Amino acid sequence: MESVEKSFEGTAKIGKVMKNIATISLKPEDFSSPIALQMAFSRIYEAMMRILEEGGPKSTYVAEVRFVDDLGNQVVFAVDLGEELPPFSKDKVKARVRVELYEEEE
């Protein structure tokens, strides 16, 4: 099977987040009108109530990984590192992102 691989170098910032709260977010369209913003606040409130009913927020460590792609675009994504403190002495570390492109065999 033929494939193409590419590696990118970047940075990662490690921090602790409340995992089930991280799913709550505001989107650009939530700021399009006062009504849209009120609806977004209602959606957030309902999600918070659901989280509290489920036993409260659960924390996890994540790495916010940043690198620049081949077209000069800034790429940012998160990696869940689990509930235990990662074995790094700093909260900013280097990151290597490897991409492999391949065709699926049918």
Protein backbone atom coordinates (compact mmCIF):
# COMPACT_ATOMS: atom_id res chain seq x y z
CA MET A 1 0.00 0.00 0.00
CA GLU A 2 1.43 3.37 -1.05
CA SER A 3 1.43 6.23 1.43
CA VAL A 4 2.81 9.72 1.90
CA GLU A 5 4.08 10.93 5.28
CA LYS A 6 4.77 14.46 6.47
CA SER A 7 5.93 15.75 9.86
CA PHE A 8 5.34 19.19 11.34
CA GLU A 9 7.13 20.78 14.30
CA GLY A 10 5.17 22.96 16.69
CA THR A 11 4.48 23.70 20.33
CA ALA A 12 2.02 22.46 22.91
CA LYS A 13 0.67 24.17 25.99
CA ILE A 14 -0.45 21.75 28.70
CA GLY A 15 -3.25 22.61 31.09
CA LYS A 16 -6.09 21.22 33.10
CA VAL A 17 -9.68 21.57 31.87
CA MET A 18 -13.08 20.42 33.00
CA LYS A 19 -13.74 17.79 30.35
CA ASN A 20 -17.51 17.91 30.16
CA ILE A 21 -17.49 21.73 30.34
CA ALA A 22 -15.13 21.87 27.36
CA THR A 23 -18.01 20.75 25.12
CA ILE A 24 -19.84 24.01 25.90
CA SER A 25 -18.86 26.68 23.43
CA LEU A 26 -19.95 29.85 21.73
CA LYS A 27 -19.97 30.01 17.94
CA PRO A 28 -19.58 33.13 15.79
CA GLU A 29 -23.25 32.96 14.80
CA ASP A 30 -24.20 33.21 18.50
CA PHE A 31 -23.15 36.87 18.32
CA SER A 32 -25.20 37.69 15.21
CA SER A 33 -28.08 39.23 17.19
CA PRO A 34 -29.24 39.78 20.77
CA ILE A 35 -31.75 36.92 20.40
CA ALA A 36 -29.06 34.54 19.11
CA LEU A 37 -26.90 35.42 22.12
CA GLN A 38 -29.79 34.81 24.53
CA MET A 39 -30.41 31.43 22.92
CA ALA A 40 -26.70 30.58 23.29
CA PHE A 41 -26.78 31.51 26.99
CA SER A 42 -29.85 29.30 27.44
CA ARG A 43 -28.07 26.41 25.70
CA ILE A 44 -25.03 26.90 27.98
CA TYR A 45 -27.20 27.10 31.10
CA GLU A 46 -29.01 23.86 30.20
CA ALA A 47 -25.68 22.11 29.55
CA MET A 48 -24.32 23.29 32.92
CA MET A 49 -27.42 21.99 34.72
CA ARG A 50 -27.02 18.62 32.95
CA ILE A 51 -23.37 18.45 34.04
CA LEU A 52 -24.29 19.18 37.66
CA GLU A 53 -27.01 16.50 37.58
CA GLU A 54 -24.42 13.99 36.33
CA GLY A 55 -22.20 14.54 39.38
CA GLY A 56 -20.30 17.68 38.45
CA PRO A 57 -17.43 18.47 36.14
CA LYS A 58 -14.59 15.98 35.60
CA SER A 59 -11.09 17.30 35.05
CA THR A 60 -8.49 16.11 32.58
CA TYR A 61 -5.18 17.38 31.24
CA VAL A 62 -5.03 18.53 27.63
CA ALA A 63 -2.34 19.80 25.30
CA GLU A 64 -3.21 22.66 22.98
CA VAL A 65 -1.01 21.83 19.99
CA ARG A 66 -0.08 24.57 17.49
CA PHE A 67 1.85 24.34 14.24
CA VAL A 68 1.97 26.02 10.83
CA ASP A 69 0.95 23.91 7.83
CA ASP A 70 2.59 23.91 4.40
CA LEU A 71 0.34 26.75 3.20
CA GLY A 72 1.22 28.99 6.15
CA ASN A 73 -2.02 28.41 8.06
CA GLN A 74 -1.93 28.22 11.85
CA VAL A 75 -3.39 24.86 12.95
CA VAL A 76 -4.59 24.38 16.53
CA PHE A 77 -6.09 21.24 18.07
CA ALA A 78 -6.35 19.57 21.46
CA VAL A 79 -4.98 16.24 22.69
CA ASP A 80 -6.51 14.66 25.79
CA LEU A 81 -3.65 13.51 28.06
CA GLY A 82 -5.82 11.86 30.73
CA GLU A 83 -6.56 12.52 34.37
CA GLU A 84 -2.97 12.18 35.63
CA LEU A 85 -0.46 15.03 35.50
CA PRO A 86 1.75 14.53 32.41
CA PRO A 87 5.46 13.78 33.09
CA PHE A 88 6.77 17.19 31.91
CA SER A 89 8.58 19.80 34.00
CA LYS A 90 7.10 22.72 32.03
CA ASP A 91 3.64 23.55 30.74
CA LYS A 92 5.01 24.49 27.30
CA VAL A 93 6.67 21.69 25.33
CA LYS A 94 7.63 20.91 21.75
CA ALA A 95 5.21 18.95 19.56
CA ARG A 96 5.72 16.84 16.48
CA VAL A 97 2.69 16.10 14.33
CA ARG A 98 2.92 13.28 11.81
CA VAL A 99 0.42 12.92 8.99
CA GLU A 100 0.14 9.81 6.85
CA LEU A 101 -1.97 9.84 3.71
CA TYR A 102 -3.05 6.51 2.23
CA GLU A 103 -5.85 4.85 0.31
CA GLU A 104 -8.06 2.33 2.02
CA GLU A 105 -8.09 -1.08 0.50
CA GLU A 106 -11.59 -2.27 -0.38
